[in-house]
Amino acid sequence: MIVGANETEFLAAALRGLEAQRKAAEHNIANVETPGFKARRVSFEQALSEAMAAGDPSQAVTSTWHSTAPGRIDGSNVDLDDEMRSLELNALQQQLINTAINSRYTRLRTSIGQG
């Protein structure tokens, strides 16, 4: 469990990673018909987990690369269904993190007597 001041920093790092994933999926969707386009992929979960274990939010970095999945005849490897599912999951994860952040600030306001 994350506690203290680092809790908010880890939640913010998770939001940054999710934002990078969302932008990559949107970019992929925008280029679904571009011949030769290679889908972008973003990973941050493992780095976030390791940063949490180390207690250092600055270690939670994102990695971006181009997918090596097989492509269509035009060379593009964007799978629209996968990208749409990714966006849906991403939105749910962002909502969960935002709820956690709001809960944290509600607890802080309550603890200082302003809730």
PDB file of N, CA and C in Angstrom:
ATOM      1  N   MET A   1       0.840  -1.194   0.000  1.00  0.00           N
ATOM      2  CA  MET A   1       0.000   0.000   0.000  1.00  0.00           C
ATOM      3  C   MET A   1       0.876   1.245   0.000  1.00  0.00           C
ATOM      4  N   ILE A   2       0.495   2.228  -0.774  1.00  0.00           N
ATOM      5  CA  ILE A   2       1.236   3.478  -0.810  1.00  0.00           C
ATOM      6  C   ILE A   2       0.625   4.426   0.210  1.00  0.00           C
ATOM      7  N   VAL A   3       1.482   5.071   0.983  1.00  0.00           N
ATOM      8  CA  VAL A   3       0.980   6.016   1.976  1.00  0.00           C
ATOM      9  C   VAL A   3       1.820   7.273   1.934  1.00  0.00           C
ATOM     10  N   GLY A   4       1.294   8.303   2.587  1.00  0.00           N
ATOM     11  CA  GLY A   4       2.041   9.540   2.708  1.00  0.00           C
ATOM     12  C   GLY A   4       2.035  10.370   1.442  1.00  0.00           C
ATOM     13  N   ALA A   5       2.992  11.277   1.384  1.00  0.00           N
ATOM     14  CA  ALA A   5       3.084  12.208   0.259  1.00  0.00           C
ATOM     15  C   ALA A   5       3.326  11.471  -1.044  1.00  0.00           C
ATOM     16  N   ASN A   6       4.034  10.352  -0.993  1.00  0.00           N
ATOM     17  CA  ASN A   6       4.327   9.602  -2.218  1.00  0.00           C
ATOM     18  C   ASN A   6       3.072   9.039  -2.875  1.00  0.00           C
ATOM     19  N   GLU A   7       2.014   8.825  -2.096  1.00  0.00           N
ATOM     20  CA  GLU A   7       0.785   8.252  -2.664  1.00  0.00           C
ATOM     21  C   GLU A   7       0.298   9.092  -3.839  1.00  0.00           C
ATOM     22  N   THR A   8       0.221  10.376  -3.653  1.00  0.00           N
ATOM     23  CA  THR A   8      -0.254  11.263  -4.719  1.00  0.00           C
ATOM     24  C   THR A   8       0.718  11.254  -5.892  1.00  0.00           C
ATOM     25  N   GLU A   9       2.011  11.208  -5.610  1.00  0.00           N
ATOM     26  CA  GLU A   9       3.004  11.184  -6.689  1.00  0.00           C
ATOM     27  C   GLU A   9       2.906   9.901  -7.512  1.00  0.00           C
ATOM     28  N   PHE A  10       2.645   8.772  -6.865  1.00  0.00           N
ATOM     29  CA  PHE A  10       2.492   7.517  -7.592  1.00  0.00           C
ATOM     30  C   PHE A  10       1.204   7.515  -8.417  1.00  0.00           C
ATOM     31  N   LEU A  11       0.141   8.066  -7.864  1.00  0.00           N
ATOM     32  CA  LEU A  11      -1.117   8.169  -8.612  1.00  0.00           C
ATOM     33  C   LEU A  11      -0.934   9.080  -9.828  1.00  0.00           C
ATOM     34  N   ALA A  12      -0.203  10.164  -9.640  1.00  0.00           N
ATOM     35  CA  ALA A  12       0.068  11.074 -10.764  1.00  0.00           C
ATOM     36  C   ALA A  12       0.919  10.376 -11.823  1.00  0.00           C
ATOM     37  N   ALA A  13       1.884   9.563 -11.401  1.00  0.00           N
ATOM     38  CA  ALA A  13       2.710   8.817 -12.353  1.00  0.00           C
ATOM     39  C   ALA A  13       1.850   7.827 -13.139  1.00  0.00           C
ATOM     40  N   ALA A  14       0.904   7.196 -12.469  1.00  0.00           N
ATOM     41  CA  ALA A  14      -0.001   6.272 -13.155  1.00  0.00           C
ATOM     42  C   ALA A  14      -0.831   7.023 -14.187  1.00  0.00           C
ATOM     43  N   LEU A  15      -1.314   8.207 -13.832  1.00  0.00           N
ATOM     44  CA  LEU A  15      -2.085   9.005 -14.791  1.00  0.00           C
ATOM     45  C   LEU A  15      -1.241   9.413 -15.993  1.00  0.00           C
ATOM     46  N   ARG A  16       0.026   9.742 -15.759  1.00  0.00           N
ATOM     47  CA  ARG A  16       0.910  10.095 -16.876  1.00  0.00           C
ATOM     48  C   ARG A  16       1.103   8.905 -17.818  1.00  0.00           C
ATOM     49  N   GLY A  17       1.280   7.729 -17.252  1.00  0.00           N
ATOM     50  CA  GLY A  17       1.421   6.529 -18.072  1.00  0.00           C
ATOM     51  C   GLY A  17       0.158   6.234 -18.861  1.00  0.00           C
ATOM     52  N   LEU A  18      -0.987   6.368 -18.210  1.00  0.00           N
ATOM     53  CA  LEU A  18      -2.259   6.139 -18.894  1.00  0.00           C
ATOM     54  C   LEU A  18      -2.488   7.177 -19.986  1.00  0.00           C
ATOM     55  N   GLU A  19      -2.095   8.400 -19.734  1.00  0.00           N
ATOM     56  CA  GLU A  19      -2.228   9.458 -20.749  1.00  0.00           C
ATOM     57  C   GLU A  19      -1.370   9.136 -21.972  1.00  0.00           C
ATOM     58  N   ALA A  20      -0.160   8.662 -21.742  1.00  0.00           N
ATOM     59  CA  ALA A  20       0.714   8.289 -22.858  1.00  0.00           C
ATOM     60  C   ALA A  20       0.104   7.129 -23.656  1.00  0.00           C
ATOM     61  N   GLN A  21      -0.483   6.151 -22.953  1.00  0.00           N
ATOM     62  CA  GLN A  21      -1.139   5.045 -23.650  1.00  0.00           C
ATOM     63  C   GLN A  21      -2.334   5.529 -24.469  1.00  0.00           C
ATOM     64  N   ARG A  22      -3.123   6.428 -23.883  1.00  0.00           N
ATOM     65  CA  ARG A  22      -4.293   6.957 -24.587  1.00  0.00           C
ATOM     66  C   ARG A  22      -3.878   7.689 -25.849  1.00  0.00           C
ATOM     67  N   LYS A  23      -2.872   8.539 -25.738  1.00  0.00           N
ATOM     68  CA  LYS A  23      -2.404   9.291 -26.902  1.00  0.00           C
ATOM     69  C   LYS A  23      -1.879   8.361 -27.993  1.00  0.00           C
ATOM     70  N   ALA A  24      -1.170   7.302 -27.598  1.00  0.00           N
ATOM     71  CA  ALA A  24      -0.650   6.350 -28.585  1.00  0.00           C
ATOM     72  C   ALA A  24      -1.801   5.653 -29.307  1.00  0.00           C
ATOM     73  N   ALA A  25      -2.824   5.233 -28.552  1.00  0.00           N
ATOM     74  CA  ALA A  25      -3.970   4.565 -29.171  1.00  0.00           C
ATOM     75  C   ALA A  25      -4.701   5.509 -30.120  1.00  0.00           C
ATOM     76  N   GLU A  26      -4.873   6.767 -29.718  1.00  0.00           N
ATOM     77  CA  GLU A  26      -5.527   7.737 -30.588  1.00  0.00           C
ATOM     78  C   GLU A  26      -4.709   7.973 -31.858  1.00  0.00           C
ATOM     79  N   HIS A  27      -3.404   8.041 -31.712  1.00  0.00           N
ATOM     80  CA  HIS A  27      -2.512   8.221 -32.865  1.00  0.00           C
ATOM     81  C   HIS A  27      -2.609   7.014 -33.802  1.00  0.00           C
ATOM     82  N   ASN A  28      -2.650   5.830 -33.211  1.00  0.00           N
ATOM     83  CA  ASN A  28      -2.780   4.616 -34.015  1.00  0.00           C
ATOM     84  C   ASN A  28      -4.095   4.624 -34.793  1.00  0.00           C
ATOM     85  N   ILE A  29      -5.179   4.980 -34.127  1.00  0.00           N
ATOM     86  CA  ILE A  29      -6.489   5.015 -34.785  1.00  0.00           C
ATOM     87  C   ILE A  29      -6.495   6.038 -35.912  1.00  0.00           C
ATOM     88  N   ALA A  30      -5.884   7.185 -35.671  1.00  0.00           N
ATOM     89  CA  ALA A  30      -5.842   8.226 -36.699  1.00  0.00           C
ATOM     90  C   ALA A  30      -5.064   7.769 -37.932  1.00  0.00           C
ATOM     91  N   ASN A  31      -4.177   6.814 -37.759  1.00  0.00           N
ATOM     92  CA  ASN A  31      -3.330   6.349 -38.856  1.00  0.00           C
ATOM     93  C   ASN A  31      -3.663   4.937 -39.318  1.00  0.00           C
ATOM     94  N   VAL A  32      -4.850   4.456 -38.988  1.00  0.00           N
ATOM     95  CA  VAL A  32      -5.231   3.085 -39.312  1.00  0.00           C
ATOM     96  C   VAL A  32      -5.151   2.798 -40.812  1.00  0.00           C
ATOM     97  N   GLU A  33      -5.386   3.786 -41.645  1.00  0.00           N
ATOM     98  CA  GLU A  33      -5.361   3.589 -43.098  1.00  0.00           C
ATOM     99  C   GLU A  33      -4.053   4.051 -43.749  1.00  0.00           C
ATOM    100  N   THR A  34      -3.082   4.431 -42.945  1.00  0.00           N
ATOM    101  CA  THR A  34      -1.806   4.890 -43.490  1.00  0.00           C
ATOM    102  C   THR A  34      -0.946   3.688 -43.873  1.00  0.00           C
ATOM    103  N   PRO A  35      -0.639   3.533 -45.157  1.00  0.00           N
ATOM    104  CA  PRO A  35       0.179   2.394 -45.581  1.00  0.00           C
ATOM    105  C   PRO A  35       1.540   2.381 -44.868  1.00  0.00           C
ATOM    106  N   GLY A  36       1.915   1.205 -44.383  1.00  0.00           N
ATOM    107  CA  GLY A  36       3.211   1.043 -43.727  1.00  0.00           C
ATOM    108  C   GLY A  36       3.281   1.536 -42.295  1.00  0.00           C
ATOM    109  N   PHE A  37       2.185   2.079 -41.762  1.00  0.00           N
ATOM    110  CA  PHE A  37       2.198   2.609 -40.395  1.00  0.00           C
ATOM    111  C   PHE A  37       2.320   1.481 -39.380  1.00  0.00           C
ATOM    112  N   LYS A  38       3.210   1.663 -38.418  1.00  0.00           N
ATOM    113  CA  LYS A  38       3.401   0.692 -37.340  1.00  0.00           C
ATOM    114  C   LYS A  38       2.813   1.269 -36.059  1.00  0.00           C
ATOM    115  N   ALA A  39       1.930   0.524 -35.438  1.00  0.00           N
ATOM    116  CA  ALA A  39       1.260   0.972 -34.219  1.00  0.00           C
ATOM    117  C   ALA A  39       2.273   1.235 -33.109  1.00  0.00           C
ATOM    118  N   ARG A  40       2.001   2.269 -32.345  1.00  0.00           N
ATOM    119  CA  ARG A  40       2.827   2.583 -31.173  1.00  0.00           C
ATOM    120  C   ARG A  40       2.269   1.843 -29.966  1.00  0.00           C
ATOM    121  N   ARG A  41       3.158   1.439 -29.115  1.00  0.00           N
ATOM    122  CA  ARG A  41       2.796   0.799 -27.864  1.00  0.00           C
ATOM    123  C   ARG A  41       3.496   1.530 -26.731  1.00  0.00           C
ATOM    124  N   VAL A  42       2.814   1.620 -25.601  1.00  0.00           N
ATOM    125  CA  VAL A  42       3.359   2.307 -24.428  1.00  0.00           C
ATOM    126  C   VAL A  42       3.227   1.381 -23.224  1.00  0.00           C
ATOM    127  N   SER A  43       4.282   1.299 -22.454  1.00  0.00           N
ATOM    128  CA  SER A  43       4.282   0.486 -21.243  1.00  0.00           C
ATOM    129  C   SER A  43       4.787   1.340 -20.081  1.00  0.00           C
ATOM    130  N   PHE A  44       4.130   1.216 -18.959  1.00  0.00           N
ATOM    131  CA  PHE A  44       4.596   1.908 -17.759  1.00  0.00           C
ATOM    132  C   PHE A  44       4.328   1.085 -16.497  1.00  0.00           C
ATOM    133  N   GLU A  45       3.507   0.061 -16.590  1.00  0.00           N
ATOM    134  CA  GLU A  45       3.055  -0.671 -15.422  1.00  0.00           C
ATOM    135  C   GLU A  45       4.201  -1.304 -14.626  1.00  0.00           C
ATOM    136  N   GLN A  46       5.132  -1.968 -15.319  1.00  0.00           N
ATOM    137  CA  GLN A  46       6.247  -2.621 -14.622  1.00  0.00           C
ATOM    138  C   GLN A  46       7.140  -1.579 -13.941  1.00  0.00           C
ATOM    139  N   ALA A  47       7.427  -0.490 -14.644  1.00  0.00           N
ATOM    140  CA  ALA A  47       8.256   0.567 -14.059  1.00  0.00           C
ATOM    141  C   ALA A  47       7.559   1.189 -12.851  1.00  0.00           C
ATOM    142  N   LEU A  48       6.240   1.364 -12.925  1.00  0.00           N
ATOM    143  CA  LEU A  48       5.488   1.917 -11.798  1.00  0.00           C
ATOM    144  C   LEU A  48       5.543   0.969 -10.612  1.00  0.00           C
ATOM    145  N   SER A  49       5.383  -0.315 -10.869  1.00  0.00           N
ATOM    146  CA  SER A  49       5.441  -1.315  -9.805  1.00  0.00           C
ATOM    147  C   SER A  49       6.813  -1.316  -9.127  1.00  0.00           C
ATOM    148  N   GLU A  50       7.865  -1.251  -9.933  1.00  0.00           N
ATOM    149  CA  GLU A  50       9.223  -1.229  -9.378  1.00  0.00           C
ATOM    150  C   GLU A  50       9.486   0.068  -8.615  1.00  0.00           C
ATOM    151  N   ALA A  51       8.967   1.176  -9.118  1.00  0.00           N
ATOM    152  CA  ALA A  51       9.130   2.461  -8.434  1.00  0.00           C
ATOM    153  C   ALA A  51       8.421   2.435  -7.085  1.00  0.00           C
ATOM    154  N   MET A  52       7.241   1.826  -7.051  1.00  0.00           N
ATOM    155  CA  MET A  52       6.508   1.723  -5.789  1.00  0.00           C
ATOM    156  C   MET A  52       7.275   0.871  -4.793  1.00  0.00           C
ATOM    157  N   ALA A  53       7.849  -0.225  -5.263  1.00  0.00           N
ATOM    158  CA  ALA A  53       8.622  -1.102  -4.382  1.00  0.00           C
ATOM    159  C   ALA A  53       9.843  -0.370  -3.829  1.00  0.00           C
ATOM    160  N   ALA A  54      10.435   0.501  -4.654  1.00  0.00           N
ATOM    161  CA  ALA A  54      11.613   1.259  -4.231  1.00  0.00           C
ATOM    162  C   ALA A  54      11.231   2.512  -3.448  1.00  0.00           C
ATOM    163  N   GLY A  55       9.944   2.877  -3.494  1.00  0.00           N
ATOM    164  CA  GLY A  55       9.502   4.091  -2.798  1.00  0.00           C
ATOM    165  C   GLY A  55       9.927   5.364  -3.500  1.00  0.00           C
ATOM    166  N   ASP A  56      10.188   5.280  -4.803  1.00  0.00           N
ATOM    167  CA  ASP A  56      10.684   6.434  -5.553  1.00  0.00           C
ATOM    168  C   ASP A  56       9.835   6.682  -6.801  1.00  0.00           C
ATOM    169  N   PRO A  57       8.881   7.620  -6.732  1.00  0.00           N
ATOM    170  CA  PRO A  57       8.001   7.879  -7.870  1.00  0.00           C
ATOM    171  C   PRO A  57       8.736   8.310  -9.138  1.00  0.00           C
ATOM    172  N   SER A  58       9.922   8.873  -9.008  1.00  0.00           N
ATOM    173  CA  SER A  58      10.649   9.336 -10.193  1.00  0.00           C
ATOM    174  C   SER A  58      11.109   8.181 -11.084  1.00  0.00           C
ATOM    175  N   GLN A  59      11.099   6.958 -10.548  1.00  0.00           N
ATOM    176  CA  GLN A  59      11.499   5.789 -11.332  1.00  0.00           C
ATOM    177  C   GLN A  59      10.371   5.274 -12.226  1.00  0.00           C
ATOM    178  N   ALA A  60       9.181   5.828 -12.091  1.00  0.00           N
ATOM    179  CA  ALA A  60       8.019   5.378 -12.866  1.00  0.00           C
ATOM    180  C   ALA A  60       8.023   6.068 -14.226  1.00  0.00           C
ATOM    181  N   VAL A  61       8.751   5.486 -15.161  1.00  0.00           N
ATOM    182  CA  VAL A  61       8.882   6.075 -16.494  1.00  0.00           C
ATOM    183  C   VAL A  61       8.103   5.240 -17.508  1.00  0.00           C
ATOM    184  N   THR A  62       7.751   5.867 -18.615  1.00  0.00           N
ATOM    185  CA  THR A  62       7.050   5.152 -19.683  1.00  0.00           C
ATOM    186  C   THR A  62       8.038   4.757 -20.776  1.00  0.00           C
ATOM    187  N   SER A  63       7.728   3.657 -21.431  1.00  0.00           N
ATOM    188  CA  SER A  63       8.511   3.195 -22.577  1.00  0.00           C
ATOM    189  C   SER A  63       7.585   3.155 -23.783  1.00  0.00           C
ATOM    190  N   THR A  64       8.080   3.633 -24.913  1.00  0.00           N
ATOM    191  CA  THR A  64       7.292   3.624 -26.144  1.00  0.00           C
ATOM    192  C   THR A  64       8.087   2.920 -27.228  1.00  0.00           C
ATOM    193  N   TRP A  65       7.400   2.102 -28.010  1.00  0.00           N
ATOM    194  CA  TRP A  65       8.029   1.399 -29.121  1.00  0.00           C
ATOM    195  C   TRP A  65       6.992   1.149 -30.200  1.00  0.00           C
ATOM    196  N   HIS A  66       7.454   0.722 -31.358  1.00  0.00           N
ATOM    197  CA  HIS A  66       6.555   0.381 -32.456  1.00  0.00           C
ATOM    198  C   HIS A  66       6.275  -1.117 -32.426  1.00  0.00           C
ATOM    199  N   SER A  67       5.027  -1.457 -32.610  1.00  0.00           N
ATOM    200  CA  SER A  67       4.602  -2.847 -32.601  1.00  0.00           C
ATOM    201  C   SER A  67       5.242  -3.623 -33.752  1.00  0.00           C
ATOM    202  N   THR A  68       5.570  -4.866 -33.464  1.00  0.00           N
ATOM    203  CA  THR A  68       6.105  -5.748 -34.503  1.00  0.00           C
ATOM    204  C   THR A  68       5.056  -6.773 -34.934  1.00  0.00           C
ATOM    205  N   ALA A  69       3.803  -6.534 -34.550  1.00  0.00           N
ATOM    206  CA  ALA A  69       2.719  -7.442 -34.938  1.00  0.00           C
ATOM    207  C   ALA A  69       2.600  -7.477 -36.459  1.00  0.00           C
ATOM    208  N   PRO A  70       2.147  -8.593 -36.985  1.00  0.00           N
ATOM    209  CA  PRO A  70       1.973  -8.685 -38.439  1.00  0.00           C
ATOM    210  C   PRO A  70       0.998  -7.618 -38.936  1.00  0.00           C
ATOM    211  N   GLY A  71       1.255  -7.170 -40.134  1.00  0.00           N
ATOM    212  CA  GLY A  71       0.414  -6.127 -40.699  1.00  0.00           C
ATOM    213  C   GLY A  71      -0.469  -6.618 -41.824  1.00  0.00           C
ATOM    214  N   ARG A  72      -1.256  -5.695 -42.305  1.00  0.00           N
ATOM    215  CA  ARG A  72      -2.104  -5.988 -43.458  1.00  0.00           C
ATOM    216  C   ARG A  72      -1.262  -5.921 -44.727  1.00  0.00           C
ATOM    217  N   ILE A  73      -1.903  -6.121 -45.828  1.00  0.00           N
ATOM    218  CA  ILE A  73      -1.206  -6.110 -47.113  1.00  0.00           C
ATOM    219  C   ILE A  73      -0.569  -4.753 -47.409  1.00  0.00           C
ATOM    220  N   ASP A  74      -1.161  -3.667 -46.864  1.00  0.00           N
ATOM    221  CA  ASP A  74      -0.595  -2.331 -47.083  1.00  0.00           C
ATOM    222  C   ASP A  74       0.540  -2.010 -46.112  1.00  0.00           C
ATOM    223  N   GLY A  75       0.860  -2.956 -45.205  1.00  0.00           N
ATOM    224  CA  GLY A  75       1.973  -2.775 -44.278  1.00  0.00           C
ATOM    225  C   GLY A  75       1.588  -2.193 -42.929  1.00  0.00           C
ATOM    226  N   SER A  76       0.382  -1.652 -42.804  1.00  0.00           N
ATOM    227  CA  SER A  76      -0.069  -1.111 -41.523  1.00  0.00           C
ATOM    228  C   SER A  76      -0.412  -2.266 -40.589  1.00  0.00           C
ATOM    229  N   ASN A  77      -0.053  -2.136 -39.314  1.00  0.00           N
ATOM    230  CA  ASN A  77      -0.395  -3.196 -38.370  1.00  0.00           C
ATOM    231  C   ASN A  77      -1.339  -2.716 -37.272  1.00  0.00           C
ATOM    232  N   VAL A  78      -2.087  -1.660 -37.536  1.00  0.00           N
ATOM    233  CA  VAL A  78      -3.058  -1.161 -36.570  1.00  0.00           C
ATOM    234  C   VAL A  78      -4.309  -2.033 -36.636  1.00  0.00           C
ATOM    235  N   ASP A  79      -4.717  -2.550 -35.484  1.00  0.00           N
ATOM    236  CA  ASP A  79      -5.954  -3.320 -35.373  1.00  0.00           C
ATOM    237  C   ASP A  79      -6.966  -2.419 -34.666  1.00  0.00           C
ATOM    238  N   LEU A  80      -7.931  -1.924 -35.412  1.00  0.00           N
ATOM    239  CA  LEU A  80      -8.892  -0.955 -34.883  1.00  0.00           C
ATOM    240  C   LEU A  80      -9.648  -1.497 -33.675  1.00  0.00           C
ATOM    241  N   ASP A  81     -10.045  -2.752 -33.704  1.00  0.00           N
ATOM    242  CA  ASP A  81     -10.761  -3.336 -32.563  1.00  0.00           C
ATOM    243  C   ASP A  81      -9.891  -3.330 -31.308  1.00  0.00           C
ATOM    244  N   ASP A  82      -8.626  -3.705 -31.449  1.00  0.00           N
ATOM    245  CA  ASP A  82      -7.711  -3.692 -30.303  1.00  0.00           C
ATOM    246  C   ASP A  82      -7.521  -2.283 -29.760  1.00  0.00           C
ATOM    247  N   GLU A  83      -7.394  -1.325 -30.661  1.00  0.00           N
ATOM    248  CA  GLU A  83      -7.189   0.060 -30.224  1.00  0.00           C
ATOM    249  C   GLU A  83      -8.419   0.589 -29.492  1.00  0.00           C
ATOM    250  N   MET A  84      -9.603   0.263 -29.964  1.00  0.00           N
ATOM    251  CA  MET A  84     -10.830   0.718 -29.304  1.00  0.00           C
ATOM    252  C   MET A  84     -10.968   0.082 -27.918  1.00  0.00           C
ATOM    253  N   ARG A  85     -10.644  -1.207 -27.809  1.00  0.00           N
ATOM    254  CA  ARG A  85     -10.667  -1.868 -26.495  1.00  0.00           C
ATOM    255  C   ARG A  85      -9.647  -1.222 -25.562  1.00  0.00           C
ATOM    256  N   SER A  86      -8.501  -0.895 -26.101  1.00  0.00           N
ATOM    257  CA  SER A  86      -7.459  -0.257 -25.308  1.00  0.00           C
ATOM    258  C   SER A  86      -7.946   1.091 -24.764  1.00  0.00           C
ATOM    259  N   LEU A  87      -8.614   1.855 -25.607  1.00  0.00           N
ATOM    260  CA  LEU A  87      -9.140   3.152 -25.159  1.00  0.00           C
ATOM    261  C   LEU A  87     -10.209   2.990 -24.081  1.00  0.00           C
ATOM    262  N   GLU A  88     -11.067   1.993 -24.224  1.00  0.00           N
ATOM    263  CA  GLU A  88     -12.101   1.756 -23.216  1.00  0.00           C
ATOM    264  C   GLU A  88     -11.484   1.378 -21.874  1.00  0.00           C
ATOM    265  N   LEU A  89     -10.522   0.461 -21.896  1.00  0.00           N
ATOM    266  CA  LEU A  89      -9.851   0.058 -20.665  1.00  0.00           C
ATOM    267  C   LEU A  89      -9.111   1.238 -20.055  1.00  0.00           C
ATOM    268  N   ASN A  90      -8.443   2.002 -20.894  1.00  0.00           N
ATOM    269  CA  ASN A  90      -7.699   3.161 -20.434  1.00  0.00           C
ATOM    270  C   ASN A  90      -8.613   4.154 -19.723  1.00  0.00           C
ATOM    271  N   ALA A  91      -9.791   4.409 -20.290  1.00  0.00           N
ATOM    272  CA  ALA A  91     -10.735   5.351 -19.681  1.00  0.00           C
ATOM    273  C   ALA A  91     -11.172   4.860 -18.305  1.00  0.00           C
ATOM    274  N   LEU A  92     -11.419   3.572 -18.175  1.00  0.00           N
ATOM    275  CA  LEU A  92     -11.801   3.016 -16.874  1.00  0.00           C
ATOM    276  C   LEU A  92     -10.669   3.137 -15.862  1.00  0.00           C
ATOM    277  N   GLN A  93      -9.445   2.877 -16.308  1.00  0.00           N
ATOM    278  CA  GLN A  93      -8.295   2.978 -15.409  1.00  0.00           C
ATOM    279  C   GLN A  93      -8.078   4.428 -14.980  1.00  0.00           C
ATOM    280  N   GLN A  94      -8.225   5.370 -15.908  1.00  0.00           N
ATOM    281  CA  GLN A  94      -8.074   6.777 -15.544  1.00  0.00           C
ATOM    282  C   GLN A  94      -9.144   7.195 -14.540  1.00  0.00           C
ATOM    283  N   GLN A  95     -10.353   6.717 -14.739  1.00  0.00           N
ATOM    284  CA  GLN A  95     -11.439   7.030 -13.816  1.00  0.00           C
ATOM    285  C   GLN A  95     -11.125   6.496 -12.418  1.00  0.00           C
ATOM    286  N   LEU A  96     -10.603   5.286 -12.350  1.00  0.00           N
ATOM    287  CA  LEU A  96     -10.238   4.689 -11.069  1.00  0.00           C
ATOM    288  C   LEU A  96      -9.158   5.508 -10.360  1.00  0.00           C
ATOM    289  N   ILE A  97      -8.137   5.909 -11.098  1.00  0.00           N
ATOM    290  CA  ILE A  97      -7.053   6.708 -10.505  1.00  0.00           C
ATOM    291  C   ILE A  97      -7.579   8.059 -10.044  1.00  0.00           C
ATOM    292  N   ASN A  98      -8.424   8.697 -10.853  1.00  0.00           N
ATOM    293  CA  ASN A  98      -9.007   9.985 -10.453  1.00  0.00           C
ATOM    294  C   ASN A  98      -9.847   9.841  -9.191  1.00  0.00           C
ATOM    295  N   THR A  99     -10.575   8.742  -9.070  1.00  0.00           N
ATOM    296  CA  THR A  99     -11.359   8.484  -7.857  1.00  0.00           C
ATOM    297  C   THR A  99     -10.430   8.343  -6.649  1.00  0.00           C
ATOM    298  N   ALA A 100      -9.320   7.652  -6.827  1.00  0.00           N
ATOM    299  CA  ALA A 100      -8.353   7.488  -5.734  1.00  0.00           C
ATOM    300  C   ALA A 100      -7.754   8.831  -5.324  1.00  0.00           C
ATOM    301  N   ILE A 101      -7.450   9.672  -6.299  1.00  0.00           N
ATOM    302  CA  ILE A 101      -6.891  11.001  -5.991  1.00  0.00           C
ATOM    303  C   ILE A 101      -7.927  11.838  -5.252  1.00  0.00           C
ATOM    304  N   ASN A 102      -9.165  11.830  -5.743  1.00  0.00           N
ATOM    305  CA  ASN A 102     -10.223  12.593  -5.066  1.00  0.00           C
ATOM    306  C   ASN A 102     -10.433  12.097  -3.645  1.00  0.00           C
ATOM    307  N   SER A 103     -10.385  10.778  -3.449  1.00  0.00           N
ATOM    308  CA  SER A 103     -10.536  10.209  -2.118  1.00  0.00           C
ATOM    309  C   SER A 103      -9.406  10.663  -1.197  1.00  0.00           C
ATOM    310  N   ARG A 104      -8.197  10.693  -1.747  1.00  0.00           N
ATOM    311  CA  ARG A 104      -7.041  11.144  -0.948  1.00  0.00           C
ATOM    312  C   ARG A 104      -7.241  12.571  -0.468  1.00  0.00           C
ATOM    313  N   TYR A 105      -7.671  13.456  -1.362  1.00  0.00           N
ATOM    314  CA  TYR A 105      -7.864  14.850  -0.975  1.00  0.00           C
ATOM    315  C   TYR A 105      -9.056  15.018  -0.036  1.00  0.00           C
ATOM    316  N   THR A 106     -10.061  14.193  -0.173  1.00  0.00           N
ATOM    317  CA  THR A 106     -11.189  14.227   0.761  1.00  0.00           C
ATOM    318  C   THR A 106     -10.713  13.840   2.153  1.00  0.00           C
ATOM    319  N   ARG A 107      -9.884  12.797   2.230  1.00  0.00           N
ATOM    320  CA  ARG A 107      -9.331  12.378   3.537  1.00  0.00           C
ATOM    321  C   ARG A 107      -8.470  13.490   4.141  1.00  0.00           C
ATOM    322  N   LEU A 108      -7.680  14.148   3.303  1.00  0.00           N
ATOM    323  CA  LEU A 108      -6.826  15.232   3.808  1.00  0.00           C
ATOM    324  C   LEU A 108      -7.673  16.393   4.338  1.00  0.00           C
ATOM    325  N   ARG A 109      -8.715  16.763   3.581  1.00  0.00           N
ATOM    326  CA  ARG A 109      -9.586  17.851   4.038  1.00  0.00           C
ATOM    327  C   ARG A 109     -10.275  17.478   5.345  1.00  0.00           C
ATOM    328  N   THR A 110     -10.711  16.235   5.448  1.00  0.00           N
ATOM    329  CA  THR A 110     -11.371  15.784   6.668  1.00  0.00           C
ATOM    330  C   THR A 110     -10.408  15.809   7.839  1.00  0.00           C
ATOM    331  N   SER A 111      -9.180  15.376   7.602  1.00  0.00           N
ATOM    332  CA  SER A 111      -8.204  15.314   8.705  1.00  0.00           C
ATOM    333  C   SER A 111      -7.803  16.689   9.210  1.00  0.00           C
ATOM    334  N   ILE A 112      -7.922  17.715   8.385  1.00  0.00           N
ATOM    335  CA  ILE A 112      -7.601  19.066   8.858  1.00  0.00           C
ATOM    336  C   ILE A 112      -8.857  19.841   9.256  1.00  0.00           C
ATOM    337  N   GLY A 113      -9.992  19.132   9.244  1.00  0.00           N
ATOM    338  CA  GLY A 113     -11.215  19.721   9.749  1.00  0.00           C
ATOM    339  C   GLY A 113     -11.976  20.593   8.776  1.00  0.00           C
ATOM    340  N   GLN A 114     -11.724  20.415   7.474  1.00  0.00           N
ATOM    341  CA  GLN A 114     -12.423  21.237   6.493  1.00  0.00           C
ATOM    342  C   GLN A 114     -13.368  20.389   5.648  1.00  0.00           C
ATOM    343  N   GLY A 115     -13.620  19.163   6.004  1.00  0.00           N
ATOM    344  CA  GLY A 115     -14.459  18.275   5.210  1.00  0.00           C
ATOM    345  C   GLY A 115     -15.809  18.216   5.738  1.00  0.00           C
TER     346      GLY A 115
END
